[in-house]
Structures are given as C-alpha cells and as structure tokens.
Amino acid sequence: MNLFKAVFPAALLSWLVSSAIGGQGSRGAWLTIERLHFQQHSMFWSWPLFVIGTVVAWALFTMTPK
C-alpha cells in the first residue's frame, strides 16, 4: 500500500524538477529529461527521477509509524 501512496509525491517531484531544469533548455545529464506532447500541451518528464522519487517516498512512508 505504501508503494501506491508514494507514486503521487514522486510524480509531483519529477514534474516540478523536470520543468525547472528542462525549461532552461538542459537535458539534465543522467536524468534524461524529455519533452512530452499531449495533443496541444507539452510538459517535461524524467523517468529516472520518477523512479528515484518513488523509492525515496516509499522508504519514508514505510519508516514512519502508523
């Protein structure tokens, strides 16, 4: 269950950081920030950052007492 709760903060982190770095024209080196296009909208996204954010958020949710 903690893994499913960790997806939202990881997606938010990935979107915000990728938008900040990608908006400056950088690819983010190992973050491999790419521009995604959905119909008339575009956004920046990084799968490695999303995976790292998910693991960190999952670890924090698992360590905190319920």
PDB file of N, CA and C in Angstrom:
ATOM      1  N   MET A   1       0.814  -1.194   0.000  1.00  0.00           N
ATOM      2  CA  MET A   1       0.000   0.000   0.000  1.00  0.00           C
ATOM      3  C   MET A   1       0.861   1.263   0.000  1.00  0.00           C
ATOM      4  N   ASN A   2       1.996   1.206   0.706  1.00  0.00           N
ATOM      5  CA  ASN A   2       2.878   2.372   0.757  1.00  0.00           C
ATOM      6  C   ASN A   2       3.453   2.704  -0.611  1.00  0.00           C
ATOM      7  N   LEU A   3       3.643   1.687  -1.437  1.00  0.00           N
ATOM      8  CA  LEU A   3       4.173   1.938  -2.773  1.00  0.00           C
ATOM      9  C   LEU A   3       3.183   2.742  -3.608  1.00  0.00           C
ATOM     10  N   PHE A   4       1.901   2.455  -3.479  1.00  0.00           N
ATOM     11  CA  PHE A   4       0.890   3.208  -4.227  1.00  0.00           C
ATOM     12  C   PHE A   4       0.784   4.648  -3.719  1.00  0.00           C
ATOM     13  N   LYS A   5       0.963   4.841  -2.412  1.00  0.00           N
ATOM     14  CA  LYS A   5       0.934   6.195  -1.863  1.00  0.00           C
ATOM     15  C   LYS A   5       2.163   6.994  -2.288  1.00  0.00           C
ATOM     16  N   ALA A   6       3.253   6.322  -2.605  1.00  0.00           N
ATOM     17  CA  ALA A   6       4.492   7.006  -2.968  1.00  0.00           C
ATOM     18  C   ALA A   6       4.497   7.503  -4.407  1.00  0.00           C
ATOM     19  N   VAL A   7       3.580   7.031  -5.233  1.00  0.00           N
ATOM     20  CA  VAL A   7       3.586   7.406  -6.650  1.00  0.00           C
ATOM     21  C   VAL A   7       3.247   8.887  -6.841  1.00  0.00           C
ATOM     22  N   PHE A   8       2.267   9.415  -6.111  1.00  0.00           N
ATOM     23  CA  PHE A   8       1.867  10.812  -6.299  1.00  0.00           C
ATOM     24  C   PHE A   8       2.980  11.798  -5.939  1.00  0.00           C
ATOM     25  N   PRO A   9       3.626  11.692  -4.755  1.00  0.00           N
ATOM     26  CA  PRO A   9       4.719  12.629  -4.474  1.00  0.00           C
ATOM     27  C   PRO A   9       5.877  12.498  -5.464  1.00  0.00           C
ATOM     28  N   ALA A  10       6.144  11.278  -5.920  1.00  0.00           N
ATOM     29  CA  ALA A  10       7.224  11.081  -6.885  1.00  0.00           C
ATOM     30  C   ALA A  10       6.889  11.727  -8.223  1.00  0.00           C
ATOM     31  N   ALA A  11       5.645  11.610  -8.657  1.00  0.00           N
ATOM     32  CA  ALA A  11       5.235  12.237  -9.916  1.00  0.00           C
ATOM     33  C   ALA A  11       5.300  13.755  -9.804  1.00  0.00           C
ATOM     34  N   LEU A  12       4.879  14.287  -8.680  1.00  0.00           N
ATOM     35  CA  LEU A  12       4.930  15.732  -8.473  1.00  0.00           C
ATOM     36  C   LEU A  12       6.375  16.225  -8.455  1.00  0.00           C
ATOM     37  N   LEU A  13       7.249  15.509  -7.748  1.00  0.00           N
ATOM     38  CA  LEU A  13       8.664  15.869  -7.705  1.00  0.00           C
ATOM     39  C   LEU A  13       9.277  15.816  -9.095  1.00  0.00           C
ATOM     40  N   SER A  14       9.012  14.759  -9.823  1.00  0.00           N
ATOM     41  CA  SER A  14       9.574  14.603 -11.160  1.00  0.00           C
ATOM     42  C   SER A  14       9.089  15.697 -12.094  1.00  0.00           C
ATOM     43  N   TRP A  15       7.819  16.021 -12.032  1.00  0.00           N
ATOM     44  CA  TRP A  15       7.266  17.058 -12.905  1.00  0.00           C
ATOM     45  C   TRP A  15       7.857  18.437 -12.588  1.00  0.00           C
ATOM     46  N   LEU A  16       7.935  18.784 -11.285  1.00  0.00           N
ATOM     47  CA  LEU A  16       8.441  20.103 -10.907  1.00  0.00           C
ATOM     48  C   LEU A  16       9.927  20.267 -11.224  1.00  0.00           C
ATOM     49  N   VAL A  17      10.736  19.276 -10.870  1.00  0.00           N
ATOM     50  CA  VAL A  17      12.173  19.369 -11.119  1.00  0.00           C
ATOM     51  C   VAL A  17      12.459  19.331 -12.617  1.00  0.00           C
ATOM     52  N   SER A  18      11.769  18.474 -13.350  1.00  0.00           N
ATOM     53  CA  SER A  18      11.973  18.396 -14.796  1.00  0.00           C
ATOM     54  C   SER A  18      11.544  19.683 -15.485  1.00  0.00           C
ATOM     55  N   SER A  19      10.475  20.299 -15.010  1.00  0.00           N
ATOM     56  CA  SER A  19      10.031  21.567 -15.595  1.00  0.00           C
ATOM     57  C   SER A  19      11.039  22.676 -15.334  1.00  0.00           C
ATOM     58  N   ALA A  20      11.610  22.696 -14.136  1.00  0.00           N
ATOM     59  CA  ALA A  20      12.591  23.727 -13.804  1.00  0.00           C
ATOM     60  C   ALA A  20      13.872  23.563 -14.618  1.00  0.00           C
ATOM     61  N   ILE A  21      14.356  22.336 -14.732  1.00  0.00           N
ATOM     62  CA  ILE A  21      15.600  22.097 -15.461  1.00  0.00           C
ATOM     63  C   ILE A  21      15.363  22.130 -16.966  1.00  0.00           C
ATOM     64  N   GLY A  22      14.303  21.489 -17.433  1.00  0.00           N
ATOM     65  CA  GLY A  22      14.016  21.445 -18.865  1.00  0.00           C
ATOM     66  C   GLY A  22      13.616  22.786 -19.434  1.00  0.00           C
ATOM     67  N   GLY A  23      13.013  23.645 -18.618  1.00  0.00           N
ATOM     68  CA  GLY A  23      12.632  24.972 -19.070  1.00  0.00           C
ATOM     69  C   GLY A  23      13.825  25.851 -19.404  1.00  0.00           C
ATOM     70  N   GLN A  24      14.982  25.521 -18.845  1.00  0.00           N
ATOM     71  CA  GLN A  24      16.206  26.266 -19.131  1.00  0.00           C
ATOM     72  C   GLN A  24      16.928  25.729 -20.364  1.00  0.00           C
ATOM     73  N   GLY A  25      16.382  24.675 -20.955  1.00  0.00           N
ATOM     74  CA  GLY A  25      16.980  24.111 -22.162  1.00  0.00           C
ATOM     75  C   GLY A  25      17.962  22.985 -21.908  1.00  0.00           C
ATOM     76  N   SER A  26      18.090  22.547 -20.671  1.00  0.00           N
ATOM     77  CA  SER A  26      19.029  21.476 -20.340  1.00  0.00           C
ATOM     78  C   SER A  26      18.350  20.114 -20.437  1.00  0.00           C
ATOM     79  N   ARG A  27      19.142  19.082 -20.721  1.00  0.00           N
ATOM     80  CA  ARG A  27      18.622  17.717 -20.763  1.00  0.00           C
ATOM     81  C   ARG A  27      18.789  17.023 -19.414  1.00  0.00           C
ATOM     82  N   GLY A  28      19.530  17.622 -18.494  1.00  0.00           N
ATOM     83  CA  GLY A  28      19.656  17.077 -17.149  1.00  0.00           C
ATOM     84  C   GLY A  28      20.625  15.919 -17.024  1.00  0.00           C
ATOM     85  N   ALA A  29      21.536  15.741 -17.972  1.00  0.00           N
ATOM     86  CA  ALA A  29      22.544  14.670 -17.958  1.00  0.00           C
ATOM     87  C   ALA A  29      21.902  13.304 -17.741  1.00  0.00           C
ATOM     88  N   TRP A  30      22.164  12.660 -16.609  1.00  0.00           N
ATOM     89  CA  TRP A  30      21.640  11.298 -16.389  1.00  0.00           C
ATOM     90  C   TRP A  30      20.151  11.282 -16.078  1.00  0.00           C
ATOM     91  N   LEU A  31      19.540  12.451 -15.852  1.00  0.00           N
ATOM     92  CA  LEU A  31      18.093  12.497 -15.628  1.00  0.00           C
ATOM     93  C   LEU A  31      17.312  12.279 -16.922  1.00  0.00           C
ATOM     94  N   THR A  32      17.962  12.474 -18.039  1.00  0.00           N
ATOM     95  CA  THR A  32      17.346  12.332 -19.374  1.00  0.00           C
ATOM     96  C   THR A  32      15.951  12.956 -19.431  1.00  0.00           C
ATOM     97  N   ILE A  33      15.924  14.253 -19.210  1.00  0.00           N
ATOM     98  CA  ILE A  33      14.659  14.992 -19.251  1.00  0.00           C
ATOM     99  C   ILE A  33      14.206  15.096 -20.696  1.00  0.00           C
ATOM    100  N   GLU A  34      12.985  14.698 -20.935  1.00  0.00           N
ATOM    101  CA  GLU A  34      12.439  14.736 -22.289  1.00  0.00           C
ATOM    102  C   GLU A  34      11.146  15.531 -22.298  1.00  0.00           C
ATOM    103  N   ARG A  35      10.847  16.102 -23.449  1.00  0.00           N
ATOM    104  CA  ARG A  35       9.610  16.878 -23.599  1.00  0.00           C
ATOM    105  C   ARG A  35       8.536  15.962 -24.163  1.00  0.00           C
ATOM    106  N   LEU A  36       7.420  15.870 -23.445  1.00  0.00           N
ATOM    107  CA  LEU A  36       6.295  15.052 -23.877  1.00  0.00           C
ATOM    108  C   LEU A  36       5.207  15.956 -24.428  1.00  0.00           C
ATOM    109  N   HIS A  37       4.539  15.495 -25.481  1.00  0.00           N
ATOM    110  CA  HIS A  37       3.464  16.267 -26.097  1.00  0.00           C
ATOM    111  C   HIS A  37       2.163  15.478 -26.015  1.00  0.00           C
ATOM    112  N   PHE A  38       1.134  16.096 -25.468  1.00  0.00           N
ATOM    113  CA  PHE A  38      -0.211  15.526 -25.424  1.00  0.00           C
ATOM    114  C   PHE A  38      -1.136  16.487 -26.146  1.00  0.00           C
ATOM    115  N   GLN A  39      -1.576  16.113 -27.318  1.00  0.00           N
ATOM    116  CA  GLN A  39      -2.438  16.946 -28.153  1.00  0.00           C
ATOM    117  C   GLN A  39      -1.814  18.328 -28.291  1.00  0.00           C
ATOM    118  N   GLN A  40      -2.339  19.355 -27.636  1.00  0.00           N
ATOM    119  CA  GLN A  40      -1.783  20.702 -27.768  1.00  0.00           C
ATOM    120  C   GLN A  40      -0.934  21.106 -26.561  1.00  0.00           C
ATOM    121  N   HIS A  41      -0.733  20.209 -25.620  1.00  0.00           N
ATOM    122  CA  HIS A  41       0.001  20.529 -24.399  1.00  0.00           C
ATOM    123  C   HIS A  41       1.346  19.809 -24.409  1.00  0.00           C
ATOM    124  N   SER A  42       2.328  20.436 -23.807  1.00  0.00           N
ATOM    125  CA  SER A  42       3.631  19.787 -23.672  1.00  0.00           C
ATOM    126  C   SER A  42       4.127  19.969 -22.239  1.00  0.00           C
ATOM    127  N   MET A  43       4.916  19.017 -21.797  1.00  0.00           N
ATOM    128  CA  MET A  43       5.487  19.065 -20.450  1.00  0.00           C
ATOM    129  C   MET A  43       6.822  18.337 -20.462  1.00  0.00           C
ATOM    130  N   PHE A  44       7.629  18.589 -19.456  1.00  0.00           N
ATOM    131  CA  PHE A  44       8.905  17.906 -19.305  1.00  0.00           C
ATOM    132  C   PHE A  44       8.734  16.764 -18.316  1.00  0.00           C
ATOM    133  N   TRP A  45       9.467  15.659 -18.549  1.00  0.00           N
ATOM    134  CA  TRP A  45       9.343  14.479 -17.697  1.00  0.00           C
ATOM    135  C   TRP A  45      10.670  13.748 -17.655  1.00  0.00           C
ATOM    136  N   SER A  46      10.938  13.100 -16.515  1.00  0.00           N
ATOM    137  CA  SER A  46      12.151  12.311 -16.338  1.00  0.00           C
ATOM    138  C   SER A  46      11.801  11.003 -15.641  1.00  0.00           C
ATOM    139  N   TRP A  47      11.948   9.893 -16.361  1.00  0.00           N
ATOM    140  CA  TRP A  47      11.649   8.588 -15.761  1.00  0.00           C
ATOM    141  C   TRP A  47      12.636   8.202 -14.670  1.00  0.00           C
ATOM    142  N   PRO A  48      13.958   8.439 -14.835  1.00  0.00           N
ATOM    143  CA  PRO A  48      14.870   8.101 -13.730  1.00  0.00           C
ATOM    144  C   PRO A  48      14.553   8.880 -12.449  1.00  0.00           C
ATOM    145  N   LEU A  49      14.200  10.153 -12.583  1.00  0.00           N
ATOM    146  CA  LEU A  49      13.845  10.946 -11.411  1.00  0.00           C
ATOM    147  C   LEU A  49      12.554  10.439 -10.778  1.00  0.00           C
ATOM    148  N   PHE A  50      11.605   9.987 -11.583  1.00  0.00           N
ATOM    149  CA  PHE A  50      10.360   9.430 -11.060  1.00  0.00           C
ATOM    150  C   PHE A  50      10.625   8.154 -10.263  1.00  0.00           C
ATOM    151  N   VAL A  51      11.487   7.292 -10.766  1.00  0.00           N
ATOM    152  CA  VAL A  51      11.806   6.041 -10.061  1.00  0.00           C
ATOM    153  C   VAL A  51      12.534   6.337  -8.749  1.00  0.00           C
ATOM    154  N   ILE A  52      13.492   7.254  -8.779  1.00  0.00           N
ATOM    155  CA  ILE A  52      14.216   7.618  -7.559  1.00  0.00           C
ATOM    156  C   ILE A  52      13.265   8.240  -6.540  1.00  0.00           C
ATOM    157  N   GLY A  53      12.392   9.120  -6.992  1.00  0.00           N
ATOM    158  CA  GLY A  53      11.413   9.740  -6.102  1.00  0.00           C
ATOM    159  C   GLY A  53      10.456   8.731  -5.503  1.00  0.00           C
ATOM    160  N   THR A  54      10.052   7.735  -6.296  1.00  0.00           N
ATOM    161  CA  THR A  54       9.157   6.696  -5.794  1.00  0.00           C
ATOM    162  C   THR A  54       9.837   5.869  -4.710  1.00  0.00           C
ATOM    163  N   VAL A  55      11.085   5.507  -4.923  1.00  0.00           N
ATOM    164  CA  VAL A  55      11.817   4.707  -3.931  1.00  0.00           C
ATOM    165  C   VAL A  55      12.009   5.495  -2.635  1.00  0.00           C
ATOM    166  N   VAL A  56      12.369   6.763  -2.748  1.00  0.00           N
ATOM    167  CA  VAL A  56      12.579   7.585  -1.550  1.00  0.00           C
ATOM    168  C   VAL A  56      11.263   7.793  -0.795  1.00  0.00           C
ATOM    169  N   ALA A  57      10.188   8.111  -1.514  1.00  0.00           N
ATOM    170  CA  ALA A  57       8.889   8.310  -0.856  1.00  0.00           C
ATOM    171  C   ALA A  57       8.386   7.010  -0.238  1.00  0.00           C
ATOM    172  N   TRP A  58       8.594   5.887  -0.926  1.00  0.00           N
ATOM    173  CA  TRP A  58       8.181   4.589  -0.382  1.00  0.00           C
ATOM    174  C   TRP A  58       8.940   4.281   0.908  1.00  0.00           C
ATOM    175  N   ALA A  59      10.255   4.567   0.910  1.00  0.00           N
ATOM    176  CA  ALA A  59      11.053   4.328   2.112  1.00  0.00           C
ATOM    177  C   ALA A  59      10.580   5.208   3.267  1.00  0.00           C
ATOM    178  N   LEU A  60      10.265   6.463   2.986  1.00  0.00           N
ATOM    179  CA  LEU A  60       9.782   7.355   4.046  1.00  0.00           C
ATOM    180  C   LEU A  60       8.425   6.917   4.575  1.00  0.00           C
ATOM    181  N   PHE A  61       7.514   6.523   3.681  1.00  0.00           N
ATOM    182  CA  PHE A  61       6.203   6.051   4.127  1.00  0.00           C
ATOM    183  C   PHE A  61       6.320   4.752   4.919  1.00  0.00           C
ATOM    184  N   THR A  62       7.276   3.904   4.568  1.00  0.00           N
ATOM    185  CA  THR A  62       7.451   2.632   5.265  1.00  0.00           C
ATOM    186  C   THR A  62       8.052   2.843   6.655  1.00  0.00           C
ATOM    187  N   MET A  63       8.961   3.810   6.790  1.00  0.00           N
ATOM    188  CA  MET A  63       9.631   4.035   8.072  1.00  0.00           C
ATOM    189  C   MET A  63       8.777   4.779   9.084  1.00  0.00           C
ATOM    190  N   THR A  64       7.835   5.578   8.622  1.00  0.00           N
ATOM    191  CA  THR A  64       7.031   6.352   9.567  1.00  0.00           C
ATOM    192  C   THR A  64       6.014   5.447  10.258  1.00  0.00           C
ATOM    193  N   PRO A  65       5.843   5.626  11.567  1.00  0.00           N
ATOM    194  CA  PRO A  65       4.858   4.790  12.274  1.00  0.00           C
ATOM    195  C   PRO A  65       3.435   5.167  11.872  1.00  0.00           C
ATOM    196  N   LYS A  66       2.569   4.198  11.944  1.00  0.00           N
ATOM    197  CA  LYS A  66       1.186   4.425  11.524  1.00  0.00           C
ATOM    198  C   LYS A  66       0.320   4.860  12.661  1.00  0.00           C
TER     199      LYS A  66
END
